[in-house]
């Protein structure tokens, strides 16, 4: 059975209202229908962020000498 989400708390509702964000309830089994638009709309933002991150000269490296990924 799928995950059952809890109702929004008053604190969460208040934060969403302050940011003018409307919560959306996605019925079980329908996520696949909204994933493609989400990926399409967010991809240009991610590309721009990654380009900016790569252009930064202050890259941190892992212990093996590879670049660490950008922070979220």
C-alpha atoms as a PDB file:
ATOM      1  CA  UNK A   1       0.000   0.000   0.000  1.00  0.00           C
ATOM      2  CA  UNK A   2       1.185   3.551  -0.708  1.00  0.00           C
ATOM      3  CA  UNK A   3       2.343   6.056   1.847  1.00  0.00           C
ATOM      4  CA  UNK A   4      -0.431   7.976   3.566  1.00  0.00           C
ATOM      5  CA  UNK A   5       0.488  11.598   4.157  1.00  0.00           C
ATOM      6  CA  UNK A   6      -0.569  13.423   7.285  1.00  0.00           C
ATOM      7  CA  UNK A   7      -2.737  16.554   7.146  1.00  0.00           C
ATOM      8  CA  UNK A   8      -0.878  19.852   7.102  1.00  0.00           C
ATOM      9  CA  UNK A   9      -0.198  21.317  10.521  1.00  0.00           C
ATOM     10  CA  UNK A  10      -1.246  24.911  11.260  1.00  0.00           C
ATOM     11  CA  UNK A  11       2.429  25.945  11.223  1.00  0.00           C
ATOM     12  CA  UNK A  12       2.934  24.482   7.753  1.00  0.00           C
ATOM     13  CA  UNK A  13      -0.269  26.071   6.466  1.00  0.00           C
ATOM     14  CA  UNK A  14       0.861  29.446   7.835  1.00  0.00           C
ATOM     15  CA  UNK A  15       4.257  29.142   6.114  1.00  0.00           C
ATOM     16  CA  UNK A  16       2.614  28.202   2.824  1.00  0.00           C
ATOM     17  CA  UNK A  17       0.212  31.142   3.058  1.00  0.00           C
ATOM     18  CA  UNK A  18       3.062  33.578   3.749  1.00  0.00           C
ATOM     19  CA  UNK A  19       4.841  32.355   0.612  1.00  0.00           C
ATOM     20  CA  UNK A  20       1.646  32.422  -1.481  1.00  0.00           C
ATOM     21  CA  UNK A  21       2.038  28.669  -2.076  1.00  0.00           C
ATOM     22  CA  UNK A  22      -1.003  26.500  -2.684  1.00  0.00           C
ATOM     23  CA  UNK A  23      -0.707  22.927  -1.403  1.00  0.00           C
ATOM     24  CA  UNK A  24      -1.720  20.265  -3.897  1.00  0.00           C
ATOM     25  CA  UNK A  25      -2.869  16.758  -3.048  1.00  0.00           C
ATOM     26  CA  UNK A  26      -1.759  14.223  -5.633  1.00  0.00           C
ATOM     27  CA  UNK A  27      -3.863  11.054  -5.486  1.00  0.00           C
ATOM     28  CA  UNK A  28      -2.031   7.757  -5.304  1.00  0.00           C
ATOM     29  CA  UNK A  29      -0.993   6.448  -8.708  1.00  0.00           C
ATOM     30  CA  UNK A  30      -1.035   9.915 -10.310  1.00  0.00           C
ATOM     31  CA  UNK A  31       2.533  11.010  -9.565  1.00  0.00           C
ATOM     32  CA  UNK A  32       3.672   9.717 -12.965  1.00  0.00           C
ATOM     33  CA  UNK A  33       1.377  12.239 -14.641  1.00  0.00           C
ATOM     34  CA  UNK A  34       2.905  15.265 -12.936  1.00  0.00           C
ATOM     35  CA  UNK A  35       6.545  14.132 -12.940  1.00  0.00           C
ATOM     36  CA  UNK A  36       7.249  14.960 -16.605  1.00  0.00           C
ATOM     37  CA  UNK A  37       6.100  18.596 -16.351  1.00  0.00           C
ATOM     38  CA  UNK A  38       7.992  18.976 -13.079  1.00  0.00           C
ATOM     39  CA  UNK A  39      11.213  17.721 -14.680  1.00  0.00           C
ATOM     40  CA  UNK A  40      10.665  19.938 -17.729  1.00  0.00           C
ATOM     41  CA  UNK A  41      10.025  23.088 -15.723  1.00  0.00           C
ATOM     42  CA  UNK A  42      12.805  22.537 -13.181  1.00  0.00           C
ATOM     43  CA  UNK A  43      15.529  21.402 -15.618  1.00  0.00           C
ATOM     44  CA  UNK A  44      16.460  24.913 -16.885  1.00  0.00           C
ATOM     45  CA  UNK A  45      16.812  26.089 -13.278  1.00  0.00           C
ATOM     46  CA  UNK A  46      19.046  23.148 -12.389  1.00  0.00           C
ATOM     47  CA  UNK A  47      21.202  23.655 -15.484  1.00  0.00           C
ATOM     48  CA  UNK A  48      21.709  27.338 -14.667  1.00  0.00           C
ATOM     49  CA  UNK A  49      22.594  26.517 -11.063  1.00  0.00           C
ATOM     50  CA  UNK A  50      25.058  23.827 -12.135  1.00  0.00           C
ATOM     51  CA  UNK A  51      26.684  26.114 -14.720  1.00  0.00           C
ATOM     52  CA  UNK A  52      27.168  28.758 -12.047  1.00  0.00           C
ATOM     53  CA  UNK A  53      28.580  26.140  -9.657  1.00  0.00           C
ATOM     54  CA  UNK A  54      31.031  24.833 -12.267  1.00  0.00           C
ATOM     55  CA  UNK A  55      32.223  28.352 -13.089  1.00  0.00           C
ATOM     56  CA  UNK A  56      33.084  28.953  -9.434  1.00  0.00           C
ATOM     57  CA  UNK A  57      36.836  28.623  -8.870  1.00  0.00           C
ATOM     58  CA  UNK A  58      36.433  27.541  -5.259  1.00  0.00           C
ATOM     59  CA  UNK A  59      35.568  23.852  -5.813  1.00  0.00           C
ATOM     60  CA  UNK A  60      35.829  21.471  -2.896  1.00  0.00           C
ATOM     61  CA  UNK A  61      37.346  18.072  -3.555  1.00  0.00           C
ATOM     62  CA  UNK A  62      36.690  14.669  -2.039  1.00  0.00           C
ATOM     63  CA  UNK A  63      39.497  12.685  -0.437  1.00  0.00           C
ATOM     64  CA  UNK A  64      39.931  10.923  -3.798  1.00  0.00           C
ATOM     65  CA  UNK A  65      40.354  14.221  -5.664  1.00  0.00           C
ATOM     66  CA  UNK A  66      36.905  14.416  -7.284  1.00  0.00           C
ATOM     67  CA  UNK A  67      34.770  17.565  -7.153  1.00  0.00           C
ATOM     68  CA  UNK A  68      32.063  17.505  -4.506  1.00  0.00           C
ATOM     69  CA  UNK A  69      28.548  18.066  -5.870  1.00  0.00           C
ATOM     70  CA  UNK A  70      26.836  21.427  -5.320  1.00  0.00           C
ATOM     71  CA  UNK A  71      24.944  21.908  -2.095  1.00  0.00           C
ATOM     72  CA  UNK A  72      21.185  21.782  -2.280  1.00  0.00           C
END
